[in-house]
């Protein structure tokens, strides 16, 4: 008998690529007063490259962005924005809610 099903988030329940793209595009907009000298597309693309699918700590990603683009913000401020805001941009895979419902019903049998 199965008593539990455990999932991780990125790449299993959440579409990490879509989530990160959505978040970083909006981060650019939120921080635009400090980023307006950079094209949005360049900022987004470079963040995604440096992030390496989540394998690089965000403070390192932001430090590199700051150096490359001469951004007048601290890595801490940019990381805090990530921590505070990323949850609002998480994109679930198609049918996630339906699958959770099926698992709940299955659990009851």
PDB file of N, CA and C in Angstrom:
ATOM      1  N   UNK A   1       0.842  -1.184   0.000  1.00  0.00           N
ATOM      2  CA  UNK A   1       0.000   0.000   0.000  1.00  0.00           C
ATOM      3  C   UNK A   1       0.886   1.246   0.000  1.00  0.00           C
ATOM      4  N   UNK A   2       0.551   2.209  -0.838  1.00  0.00           N
ATOM      5  CA  UNK A   2       1.282   3.476  -0.916  1.00  0.00           C
ATOM      6  C   UNK A   2       0.674   4.436   0.102  1.00  0.00           C
ATOM      7  N   UNK A   3       1.535   5.014   0.943  1.00  0.00           N
ATOM      8  CA  UNK A   3       1.071   5.935   1.979  1.00  0.00           C
ATOM      9  C   UNK A   3       1.338   7.395   1.639  1.00  0.00           C
ATOM     10  N   UNK A   4       2.253   7.627   0.714  1.00  0.00           N
ATOM     11  CA  UNK A   4       2.572   9.013   0.369  1.00  0.00           C
ATOM     12  C   UNK A   4       3.173   9.069  -1.027  1.00  0.00           C
ATOM     13  N   UNK A   5       2.954  10.193  -1.664  1.00  0.00           N
ATOM     14  CA  UNK A   5       3.592  10.507  -2.942  1.00  0.00           C
ATOM     15  C   UNK A   5       4.281  11.846  -2.729  1.00  0.00           C
ATOM     16  N   UNK A   6       5.577  11.888  -2.985  1.00  0.00           N
ATOM     17  CA  UNK A   6       6.350  13.104  -2.756  1.00  0.00           C
ATOM     18  C   UNK A   6       6.837  13.631  -4.106  1.00  0.00           C
ATOM     19  N   UNK A   7       6.647  14.931  -4.303  1.00  0.00           N
ATOM     20  CA  UNK A   7       7.081  15.588  -5.528  1.00  0.00           C
ATOM     21  C   UNK A   7       8.029  16.724  -5.162  1.00  0.00           C
ATOM     22  N   UNK A   8       8.987  17.013  -6.024  1.00  0.00           N
ATOM     23  CA  UNK A   8       9.696  18.267  -5.895  1.00  0.00           C
ATOM     24  C   UNK A   8       8.941  19.273  -6.758  1.00  0.00           C
ATOM     25  N   UNK A   9       9.309  20.515  -6.707  1.00  0.00           N
ATOM     26  CA  UNK A   9       8.549  21.528  -7.437  1.00  0.00           C
ATOM     27  C   UNK A   9       9.066  21.737  -8.854  1.00  0.00           C
ATOM     28  N   UNK A  10      10.320  22.193  -8.965  1.00  0.00           N
ATOM     29  CA  UNK A  10      10.861  22.570 -10.269  1.00  0.00           C
ATOM     30  C   UNK A  10      10.956  21.380 -11.208  1.00  0.00           C
ATOM     31  N   UNK A  11      10.265  21.485 -12.323  1.00  0.00           N
ATOM     32  CA  UNK A  11      10.330  20.454 -13.344  1.00  0.00           C
ATOM     33  C   UNK A  11       9.411  19.280 -13.101  1.00  0.00           C
ATOM     34  N   UNK A  12       8.739  19.249 -11.974  1.00  0.00           N
ATOM     35  CA  UNK A  12       7.800  18.162 -11.690  1.00  0.00           C
ATOM     36  C   UNK A  12       6.390  18.729 -11.580  1.00  0.00           C
ATOM     37  N   UNK A  13       6.185  19.625 -10.648  1.00  0.00           N
ATOM     38  CA  UNK A  13       4.875  20.259 -10.489  1.00  0.00           C
ATOM     39  C   UNK A  13       4.839  21.631 -11.164  1.00  0.00           C
ATOM     40  N   UNK A  14       5.959  22.323 -11.124  1.00  0.00           N
ATOM     41  CA  UNK A  14       6.024  23.669 -11.692  1.00  0.00           C
ATOM     42  C   UNK A  14       6.908  23.697 -12.931  1.00  0.00           C
ATOM     43  N   UNK A  15       6.459  24.447 -13.908  1.00  0.00           N
ATOM     44  CA  UNK A  15       7.241  24.680 -15.127  1.00  0.00           C
ATOM     45  C   UNK A  15       8.262  25.766 -14.797  1.00  0.00           C
ATOM     46  N   UNK A  16       9.445  25.337 -14.409  1.00  0.00           N
ATOM     47  CA  UNK A  16      10.471  26.266 -13.948  1.00  0.00           C
ATOM     48  C   UNK A  16      10.853  27.275 -15.023  1.00  0.00           C
ATOM     49  N   UNK A  17      11.011  26.822 -16.252  1.00  0.00           N
ATOM     50  CA  UNK A  17      11.426  27.732 -17.326  1.00  0.00           C
ATOM     51  C   UNK A  17      10.417  28.859 -17.510  1.00  0.00           C
ATOM     52  N   UNK A  18       9.143  28.516 -17.553  1.00  0.00           N
ATOM     53  CA  UNK A  18       8.106  29.549 -17.702  1.00  0.00           C
ATOM     54  C   UNK A  18       8.035  30.448 -16.473  1.00  0.00           C
ATOM     55  N   UNK A  19       8.189  29.851 -15.300  1.00  0.00           N
ATOM     56  CA  UNK A  19       8.140  30.621 -14.052  1.00  0.00           C
ATOM     57  C   UNK A  19       9.267  31.641 -14.001  1.00  0.00           C
ATOM     58  N   UNK A  20      10.476  31.212 -14.302  1.00  0.00           N
ATOM     59  CA  UNK A  20      11.637  32.110 -14.254  1.00  0.00           C
ATOM     60  C   UNK A  20      11.509  33.198 -15.312  1.00  0.00           C
ATOM     61  N   UNK A  21      11.104  32.835 -16.512  1.00  0.00           N
ATOM     62  CA  UNK A  21      10.956  33.835 -17.579  1.00  0.00           C
ATOM     63  C   UNK A  21       9.936  34.900 -17.197  1.00  0.00           C
ATOM     64  N   UNK A  22       8.820  34.465 -16.661  1.00  0.00           N
ATOM     65  CA  UNK A  22       7.782  35.399 -16.242  1.00  0.00           C
ATOM     66  C   UNK A  22       8.285  36.300 -15.116  1.00  0.00           C
ATOM     67  N   UNK A  23       8.915  35.691 -14.121  1.00  0.00           N
ATOM     68  CA  UNK A  23       9.427  36.467 -12.990  1.00  0.00           C
ATOM     69  C   UNK A  23      10.458  37.499 -13.431  1.00  0.00           C
ATOM     70  N   UNK A  24      11.466  37.059 -14.188  1.00  0.00           N
ATOM     71  CA  UNK A  24      12.590  37.951 -14.482  1.00  0.00           C
ATOM     72  C   UNK A  24      12.162  39.101 -15.390  1.00  0.00           C
ATOM     73  N   UNK A  25      11.193  38.840 -16.274  1.00  0.00           N
ATOM     74  CA  UNK A  25      10.648  39.903 -17.110  1.00  0.00           C
ATOM     75  C   UNK A  25       9.985  40.969 -16.237  1.00  0.00           C
ATOM     76  N   UNK A  26       9.232  40.537 -15.229  1.00  0.00           N
ATOM     77  CA  UNK A  26       8.555  41.489 -14.353  1.00  0.00           C
ATOM     78  C   UNK A  26       9.521  42.127 -13.350  1.00  0.00           C
ATOM     79  N   UNK A  27      10.580  41.398 -12.983  1.00  0.00           N
ATOM     80  CA  UNK A  27      11.582  42.019 -12.118  1.00  0.00           C
ATOM     81  C   UNK A  27      12.209  43.206 -12.844  1.00  0.00           C
ATOM     82  N   UNK A  28      12.483  43.025 -14.116  1.00  0.00           N
ATOM     83  CA  UNK A  28      13.024  44.129 -14.906  1.00  0.00           C
ATOM     84  C   UNK A  28      12.093  45.342 -14.801  1.00  0.00           C
ATOM     85  N   UNK A  29      10.802  45.110 -14.942  1.00  0.00           N
ATOM     86  CA  UNK A  29       9.835  46.216 -14.874  1.00  0.00           C
ATOM     87  C   UNK A  29       9.825  46.857 -13.489  1.00  0.00           C
ATOM     88  N   UNK A  30       9.877  46.034 -12.430  1.00  0.00           N
ATOM     89  CA  UNK A  30       9.876  46.572 -11.063  1.00  0.00           C
ATOM     90  C   UNK A  30      11.128  47.402 -10.783  1.00  0.00           C
ATOM     91  N   UNK A  31      12.245  46.958 -11.319  1.00  0.00           N
ATOM     92  CA  UNK A  31      13.525  47.625 -11.044  1.00  0.00           C
ATOM     93  C   UNK A  31      13.965  48.538 -12.184  1.00  0.00           C
ATOM     94  N   UNK A  32      13.048  48.837 -13.072  1.00  0.00           N
ATOM     95  CA  UNK A  32      13.369  49.606 -14.277  1.00  0.00           C
ATOM     96  C   UNK A  32      14.101  50.926 -14.016  1.00  0.00           C
ATOM     97  N   UNK A  33      13.791  51.648 -12.937  1.00  0.00           N
ATOM     98  CA  UNK A  33      14.564  52.874 -12.709  1.00  0.00           C
ATOM     99  C   UNK A  33      16.083  52.620 -12.624  1.00  0.00           C
ATOM    100  N   UNK A  34      16.477  51.432 -12.197  1.00  0.00           N
ATOM    101  CA  UNK A  34      17.892  51.091 -12.093  1.00  0.00           C
ATOM    102  C   UNK A  34      18.396  50.258 -13.276  1.00  0.00           C
ATOM    103  N   UNK A  35      17.481  49.838 -14.132  1.00  0.00           N
ATOM    104  CA  UNK A  35      17.852  48.955 -15.233  1.00  0.00           C
ATOM    105  C   UNK A  35      17.573  49.540 -16.614  1.00  0.00           C
ATOM    106  N   UNK A  36      17.068  50.748 -16.673  1.00  0.00           N
ATOM    107  CA  UNK A  36      16.611  51.302 -17.953  1.00  0.00           C
ATOM    108  C   UNK A  36      17.719  51.428 -18.992  1.00  0.00           C
ATOM    109  N   UNK A  37      18.969  51.395 -18.577  1.00  0.00           N
ATOM    110  CA  UNK A  37      20.091  51.467 -19.530  1.00  0.00           C
ATOM    111  C   UNK A  37      20.370  50.107 -20.187  1.00  0.00           C
ATOM    112  N   UNK A  38      19.610  49.083 -19.776  1.00  0.00           N
ATOM    113  CA  UNK A  38      19.763  47.717 -20.294  1.00  0.00           C
ATOM    114  C   UNK A  38      18.482  47.355 -21.037  1.00  0.00           C
ATOM    115  N   UNK A  39      18.598  46.728 -22.179  1.00  0.00           N
ATOM    116  CA  UNK A  39      17.402  46.226 -22.851  1.00  0.00           C
ATOM    117  C   UNK A  39      16.810  45.077 -22.036  1.00  0.00           C
ATOM    118  N   UNK A  40      15.496  45.068 -21.929  1.00  0.00           N
ATOM    119  CA  UNK A  40      14.803  44.006 -21.186  1.00  0.00           C
ATOM    120  C   UNK A  40      15.255  42.633 -21.665  1.00  0.00           C
ATOM    121  N   UNK A  41      15.302  42.437 -22.971  1.00  0.00           N
ATOM    122  CA  UNK A  41      15.662  41.141 -23.539  1.00  0.00           C
ATOM    123  C   UNK A  41      17.071  40.714 -23.107  1.00  0.00           C
ATOM    124  N   UNK A  42      17.990  41.659 -23.038  1.00  0.00           N
ATOM    125  CA  UNK A  42      19.357  41.348 -22.630  1.00  0.00           C
ATOM    126  C   UNK A  42      19.419  40.949 -21.158  1.00  0.00           C
ATOM    127  N   UNK A  43      18.666  41.664 -20.329  1.00  0.00           N
ATOM    128  CA  UNK A  43      18.632  41.361 -18.895  1.00  0.00           C
ATOM    129  C   UNK A  43      18.048  39.970 -18.667  1.00  0.00           C
ATOM    130  N   UNK A  44      16.918  39.693 -19.291  1.00  0.00           N
ATOM    131  CA  UNK A  44      16.246  38.403 -19.132  1.00  0.00           C
ATOM    132  C   UNK A  44      17.145  37.267 -19.623  1.00  0.00           C
ATOM    133  N   UNK A  45      17.682  37.414 -20.807  1.00  0.00           N
ATOM    134  CA  UNK A  45      18.519  36.362 -21.386  1.00  0.00           C
ATOM    135  C   UNK A  45      19.748  36.082 -20.523  1.00  0.00           C
ATOM    136  N   UNK A  46      20.397  37.141 -20.053  1.00  0.00           N
ATOM    137  CA  UNK A  46      21.617  36.941 -19.264  1.00  0.00           C
ATOM    138  C   UNK A  46      21.293  36.332 -17.901  1.00  0.00           C
ATOM    139  N   UNK A  47      20.203  36.735 -17.282  1.00  0.00           N
ATOM    140  CA  UNK A  47      19.806  36.122 -16.010  1.00  0.00           C
ATOM    141  C   UNK A  47      19.613  34.620 -16.201  1.00  0.00           C
ATOM    142  N   UNK A  48      18.879  34.247 -17.238  1.00  0.00           N
ATOM    143  CA  UNK A  48      18.595  32.828 -17.494  1.00  0.00           C
ATOM    144  C   UNK A  48      19.887  32.056 -17.726  1.00  0.00           C
ATOM    145  N   UNK A  49      20.821  32.642 -18.472  1.00  0.00           N
ATOM    146  CA  UNK A  49      22.114  31.977 -18.703  1.00  0.00           C
ATOM    147  C   UNK A  49      22.877  31.795 -17.399  1.00  0.00           C
ATOM    148  N   UNK A  50      22.988  32.852 -16.610  1.00  0.00           N
ATOM    149  CA  UNK A  50      23.759  32.797 -15.368  1.00  0.00           C
ATOM    150  C   UNK A  50      23.104  31.886 -14.327  1.00  0.00           C
ATOM    151  N   UNK A  51      21.793  31.859 -14.307  1.00  0.00           N
ATOM    152  CA  UNK A  51      21.033  31.053 -13.345  1.00  0.00           C
ATOM    153  C   UNK A  51      21.286  29.554 -13.535  1.00  0.00           C
ATOM    154  N   UNK A  52      21.584  29.156 -14.768  1.00  0.00           N
ATOM    155  CA  UNK A  52      21.913  27.772 -15.086  1.00  0.00           C
ATOM    156  C   UNK A  52      20.871  26.794 -14.522  1.00  0.00           C
ATOM    157  N   UNK A  53      19.606  27.078 -14.857  1.00  0.00           N
ATOM    158  CA  UNK A  53      18.488  26.215 -14.439  1.00  0.00           C
ATOM    159  C   UNK A  53      18.400  26.040 -12.928  1.00  0.00           C
ATOM    160  N   UNK A  54      18.792  27.089 -12.183  1.00  0.00           N
ATOM    161  CA  UNK A  54      18.682  27.076 -10.730  1.00  0.00           C
ATOM    162  C   UNK A  54      19.876  26.519  -9.992  1.00  0.00           C
ATOM    163  N   UNK A  55      20.930  26.176 -10.713  1.00  0.00           N
ATOM    164  CA  UNK A  55      22.105  25.582 -10.073  1.00  0.00           C
ATOM    165  C   UNK A  55      23.090  26.612  -9.516  1.00  0.00           C
ATOM    166  N   UNK A  56      22.858  27.892  -9.802  1.00  0.00           N
ATOM    167  CA  UNK A  56      23.738  28.950  -9.292  1.00  0.00           C
ATOM    168  C   UNK A  56      22.929  29.792  -8.298  1.00  0.00           C
ATOM    169  N   UNK A  57      23.513  30.040  -7.126  1.00  0.00           N
ATOM    170  CA  UNK A  57      22.832  30.842  -6.114  1.00  0.00           C
ATOM    171  C   UNK A  57      22.517  32.215  -6.689  1.00  0.00           C
ATOM    172  N   UNK A  58      21.345  32.740  -6.333  1.00  0.00           N
ATOM    173  CA  UNK A  58      20.899  34.014  -6.895  1.00  0.00           C
ATOM    174  C   UNK A  58      21.825  35.171  -6.544  1.00  0.00           C
ATOM    175  N   UNK A  59      22.442  35.163  -5.369  1.00  0.00           N
ATOM    176  CA  UNK A  59      23.347  36.264  -5.052  1.00  0.00           C
ATOM    177  C   UNK A  59      24.523  36.306  -6.025  1.00  0.00           C
ATOM    178  N   UNK A  60      24.964  35.153  -6.501  1.00  0.00           N
ATOM    179  CA  UNK A  60      26.045  35.086  -7.489  1.00  0.00           C
ATOM    180  C   UNK A  60      25.551  35.567  -8.854  1.00  0.00           C
ATOM    181  N   UNK A  61      24.336  35.160  -9.203  1.00  0.00           N
ATOM    182  CA  UNK A  61      23.735  35.604 -10.469  1.00  0.00           C
ATOM    183  C   UNK A  61      23.616  37.128 -10.480  1.00  0.00           C
ATOM    184  N   UNK A  62      23.068  37.671  -9.400  1.00  0.00           N
ATOM    185  CA  UNK A  62      22.883  39.118  -9.354  1.00  0.00           C
ATOM    186  C   UNK A  62      24.213  39.866  -9.289  1.00  0.00           C
ATOM    187  N   UNK A  63      25.181  39.340  -8.585  1.00  0.00           N
ATOM    188  CA  UNK A  63      26.502  39.981  -8.543  1.00  0.00           C
ATOM    189  C   UNK A  63      27.088  40.088  -9.949  1.00  0.00           C
ATOM    190  N   UNK A  64      26.963  39.022 -10.721  1.00  0.00           N
ATOM    191  CA  UNK A  64      27.479  39.027 -12.089  1.00  0.00           C
ATOM    192  C   UNK A  64      26.707  40.008 -12.968  1.00  0.00           C
ATOM    193  N   UNK A  65      25.381  40.034 -12.820  1.00  0.00           N
ATOM    194  CA  UNK A  65      24.577  40.993 -13.590  1.00  0.00           C
ATOM    195  C   UNK A  65      24.974  42.430 -13.259  1.00  0.00           C
ATOM    196  N   UNK A  66      25.180  42.690 -11.978  1.00  0.00           N
ATOM    197  CA  UNK A  66      25.568  44.029 -11.527  1.00  0.00           C
ATOM    198  C   UNK A  66      26.895  44.434 -12.167  1.00  0.00           C
ATOM    199  N   UNK A  67      27.839  43.521 -12.183  1.00  0.00           N
ATOM    200  CA  UNK A  67      29.153  43.810 -12.766  1.00  0.00           C
ATOM    201  C   UNK A  67      29.071  44.006 -14.279  1.00  0.00           C
ATOM    202  N   UNK A  68      28.360  43.113 -14.955  1.00  0.00           N
ATOM    203  CA  UNK A  68      28.297  43.176 -16.417  1.00  0.00           C
ATOM    204  C   UNK A  68      27.526  44.385 -16.928  1.00  0.00           C
ATOM    205  N   UNK A  69      26.437  44.732 -16.227  1.00  0.00           N
ATOM    206  CA  UNK A  69      25.556  45.793 -16.712  1.00  0.00           C
ATOM    207  C   UNK A  69      25.683  47.098 -15.927  1.00  0.00           C
ATOM    208  N   UNK A  70      26.621  47.177 -14.990  1.00  0.00           N
ATOM    209  CA  UNK A  70      26.801  48.386 -14.168  1.00  0.00           C
ATOM    210  C   UNK A  70      25.490  48.815 -13.509  1.00  0.00           C
ATOM    211  N   UNK A  71      24.871  47.882 -12.828  1.00  0.00           N
ATOM    212  CA  UNK A  71      23.598  48.144 -12.138  1.00  0.00           C
ATOM    213  C   UNK A  71      23.898  48.742 -10.779  1.00  0.00           C
ATOM    214  N   UNK A  72      23.180  49.796 -10.430  1.00  0.00           N
ATOM    215  CA  UNK A  72      23.388  50.474  -9.161  1.00  0.00           C
ATOM    216  C   UNK A  72      22.422  49.968  -8.095  1.00  0.00           C
ATOM    217  N   UNK A  73      22.433  48.666  -7.897  1.00  0.00           N
ATOM    218  CA  UNK A  73      21.693  48.007  -6.819  1.00  0.00           C
ATOM    219  C   UNK A  73      22.633  46.978  -6.205  1.00  0.00           C
ATOM    220  N   UNK A  74      22.339  46.572  -4.990  1.00  0.00           N
ATOM    221  CA  UNK A  74      23.167  45.547  -4.356  1.00  0.00           C
ATOM    222  C   UNK A  74      22.643  44.154  -4.707  1.00  0.00           C
ATOM    223  N   UNK A  75      23.515  43.156  -4.690  1.00  0.00           N
ATOM    224  CA  UNK A  75      23.044  41.782  -4.897  1.00  0.00           C
ATOM    225  C   UNK A  75      21.993  41.410  -3.855  1.00  0.00           C
ATOM    226  N   UNK A  76      22.156  41.924  -2.637  1.00  0.00           N
ATOM    227  CA  UNK A  76      21.200  41.630  -1.565  1.00  0.00           C
ATOM    228  C   UNK A  76      19.817  42.173  -1.910  1.00  0.00           C
ATOM    229  N   UNK A  77      19.747  43.396  -2.385  1.00  0.00           N
ATOM    230  CA  UNK A  77      18.455  44.006  -2.732  1.00  0.00           C
ATOM    231  C   UNK A  77      17.780  43.230  -3.858  1.00  0.00           C
ATOM    232  N   UNK A  78      18.563  42.818  -4.842  1.00  0.00           N
ATOM    233  CA  UNK A  78      17.995  42.088  -5.969  1.00  0.00           C
ATOM    234  C   UNK A  78      17.575  40.679  -5.551  1.00  0.00           C
ATOM    235  N   UNK A  79      18.369  40.046  -4.692  1.00  0.00           N
ATOM    236  CA  UNK A  79      18.012  38.716  -4.185  1.00  0.00           C
ATOM    237  C   UNK A  79      16.763  38.774  -3.323  1.00  0.00           C
ATOM    238  N   UNK A  80      16.641  39.821  -2.526  1.00  0.00           N
ATOM    239  CA  UNK A  80      15.446  39.981  -1.684  1.00  0.00           C
ATOM    240  C   UNK A  80      14.199  40.143  -2.544  1.00  0.00           C
ATOM    241  N   UNK A  81      14.329  40.847  -3.666  1.00  0.00           N
ATOM    242  CA  UNK A  81      13.208  40.963  -4.593  1.00  0.00           C
ATOM    243  C   UNK A  81      12.824  39.581  -5.113  1.00  0.00           C
ATOM    244  N   UNK A  82      13.819  38.778  -5.456  1.00  0.00           N
ATOM    245  CA  UNK A  82      13.569  37.410  -5.935  1.00  0.00           C
ATOM    246  C   UNK A  82      12.824  36.596  -4.872  1.00  0.00           C
ATOM    247  N   UNK A  83      13.332  36.628  -3.658  1.00  0.00           N
ATOM    248  CA  UNK A  83      12.729  35.858  -2.564  1.00  0.00           C
ATOM    249  C   UNK A  83      11.289  36.322  -2.303  1.00  0.00           C
ATOM    250  N   UNK A  84      11.076  37.612  -2.302  1.00  0.00           N
ATOM    251  CA  UNK A  84       9.756  38.182  -1.999  1.00  0.00           C
ATOM    252  C   UNK A  84       8.750  37.967  -3.135  1.00  0.00           C
ATOM    253  N   UNK A  85       9.197  38.025  -4.381  1.00  0.00           N
ATOM    254  CA  UNK A  85       8.269  38.079  -5.505  1.00  0.00           C
ATOM    255  C   UNK A  85       8.128  36.798  -6.328  1.00  0.00           C
ATOM    256  N   UNK A  86       9.142  35.931  -6.326  1.00  0.00           N
ATOM    257  CA  UNK A  86       9.114  34.789  -7.237  1.00  0.00           C
ATOM    258  C   UNK A  86       7.853  33.941  -7.085  1.00  0.00           C
ATOM    259  N   UNK A  87       7.389  33.773  -5.871  1.00  0.00           N
ATOM    260  CA  UNK A  87       6.214  32.929  -5.624  1.00  0.00           C
ATOM    261  C   UNK A  87       4.987  33.378  -6.417  1.00  0.00           C
ATOM    262  N   UNK A  88       4.937  34.619  -6.800  1.00  0.00           N
ATOM    263  CA  UNK A  88       3.795  35.143  -7.554  1.00  0.00           C
ATOM    264  C   UNK A  88       3.845  34.780  -9.043  1.00  0.00           C
ATOM    265  N   UNK A  89       4.945  34.202  -9.481  1.00  0.00           N
ATOM    266  CA  UNK A  89       5.141  33.913 -10.905  1.00  0.00           C
ATOM    267  C   UNK A  89       5.280  32.426 -11.205  1.00  0.00           C
ATOM    268  N   UNK A  90       5.014  31.585 -10.229  1.00  0.00           N
ATOM    269  CA  UNK A  90       5.135  30.137 -10.427  1.00  0.00           C
ATOM    270  C   UNK A  90       4.044  29.641 -11.374  1.00  0.00           C
ATOM    271  N   UNK A  91       4.454  28.919 -12.390  1.00  0.00           N
ATOM    272  CA  UNK A  91       3.537  28.415 -13.414  1.00  0.00           C
ATOM    273  C   UNK A  91       3.444  26.893 -13.269  1.00  0.00           C
ATOM    274  N   UNK A  92       2.260  26.390 -12.928  1.00  0.00           N
ATOM    275  CA  UNK A  92       2.115  24.933 -12.802  1.00  0.00           C
ATOM    276  C   UNK A  92       2.050  24.282 -14.181  1.00  0.00           C
ATOM    277  N   UNK A  93       2.444  23.028 -14.224  1.00  0.00           N
ATOM    278  CA  UNK A  93       2.259  22.274 -15.453  1.00  0.00           C
ATOM    279  C   UNK A  93       0.769  22.065 -15.698  1.00  0.00           C
ATOM    280  N   UNK A  94       0.417  21.861 -16.949  1.00  0.00           N
ATOM    281  CA  UNK A  94      -0.964  21.614 -17.343  1.00  0.00           C
ATOM    282  C   UNK A  94      -1.495  20.425 -16.542  1.00  0.00           C
ATOM    283  N   UNK A  95      -2.719  20.516 -16.097  1.00  0.00           N
ATOM    284  CA  UNK A  95      -3.433  19.453 -15.386  1.00  0.00           C
ATOM    285  C   UNK A  95      -2.934  19.194 -13.967  1.00  0.00           C
ATOM    286  N   UNK A  96      -2.114  20.068 -13.405  1.00  0.00           N
ATOM    287  CA  UNK A  96      -1.620  19.857 -12.047  1.00  0.00           C
ATOM    288  C   UNK A  96      -2.768  19.733 -11.045  1.00  0.00           C
ATOM    289  N   UNK A  97      -3.712  20.629 -11.098  1.00  0.00           N
ATOM    290  CA  UNK A  97      -4.818  20.624 -10.141  1.00  0.00           C
ATOM    291  C   UNK A  97      -5.639  19.343 -10.284  1.00  0.00           C
ATOM    292  N   UNK A  98      -5.890  18.935 -11.525  1.00  0.00           N
ATOM    293  CA  UNK A  98      -6.653  17.706 -11.760  1.00  0.00           C
ATOM    294  C   UNK A  98      -5.920  16.485 -11.205  1.00  0.00           C
ATOM    295  N   UNK A  99      -4.605  16.439 -11.391  1.00  0.00           N
ATOM    296  CA  UNK A  99      -3.821  15.312 -10.886  1.00  0.00           C
ATOM    297  C   UNK A  99      -3.847  15.285  -9.364  1.00  0.00           C
ATOM    298  N   UNK A 100      -3.758  16.447  -8.739  1.00  0.00           N
ATOM    299  CA  UNK A 100      -3.845  16.489  -7.280  1.00  0.00           C
ATOM    300  C   UNK A 100      -5.204  15.959  -6.805  1.00  0.00           C
ATOM    301  N   UNK A 101      -6.259  16.316  -7.525  1.00  0.00           N
ATOM    302  CA  UNK A 101      -7.589  15.811  -7.178  1.00  0.00           C
ATOM    303  C   UNK A 101      -7.673  14.300  -7.311  1.00  0.00           C
ATOM    304  N   UNK A 102      -7.093  13.772  -8.370  1.00  0.00           N
ATOM    305  CA  UNK A 102      -7.088  12.319  -8.576  1.00  0.00           C
ATOM    306  C   UNK A 102      -6.337  11.631  -7.447  1.00  0.00           C
ATOM    307  N   UNK A 103      -5.188  12.197  -7.043  1.00  0.00           N
ATOM    308  CA  UNK A 103      -4.413  11.599  -5.958  1.00  0.00           C
ATOM    309  C   UNK A 103      -5.185  11.634  -4.640  1.00  0.00           C
ATOM    310  N   UNK A 104      -5.936  12.704  -4.406  1.00  0.00           N
ATOM    311  CA  UNK A 104      -6.741  12.781  -3.173  1.00  0.00           C
ATOM    312  C   UNK A 104      -7.821  11.703  -3.184  1.00  0.00           C
ATOM    313  N   UNK A 105      -8.484  11.524  -4.316  1.00  0.00           N
ATOM    314  CA  UNK A 105      -9.517  10.496  -4.414  1.00  0.00           C
ATOM    315  C   UNK A 105      -8.891   9.123  -4.267  1.00  0.00           C
ATOM    316  N   UNK A 106      -7.749   8.910  -4.918  1.00  0.00           N
ATOM    317  CA  UNK A 106      -7.043   7.641  -4.858  1.00  0.00           C
ATOM    318  C   UNK A 106      -6.631   7.319  -3.429  1.00  0.00           C
ATOM    319  N   UNK A 107      -6.238   8.360  -2.680  1.00  0.00           N
ATOM    320  CA  UNK A 107      -5.833   8.190  -1.302  1.00  0.00           C
ATOM    321  C   UNK A 107      -6.984   7.633  -0.462  1.00  0.00           C
ATOM    322  N   UNK A 108      -8.182   8.068  -0.776  1.00  0.00           N
ATOM    323  CA  UNK A 108      -9.349   7.649  -0.011  1.00  0.00           C
ATOM    324  C   UNK A 108      -9.814   6.226  -0.294  1.00  0.00           C
ATOM    325  N   UNK A 109      -9.293   5.592  -1.328  1.00  0.00           N
ATOM    326  CA  UNK A 109      -9.736   4.228  -1.659  1.00  0.00           C
ATOM    327  C   UNK A 109      -8.898   3.184  -0.991  1.00  0.00           C
TER     328      UNK A 109
END
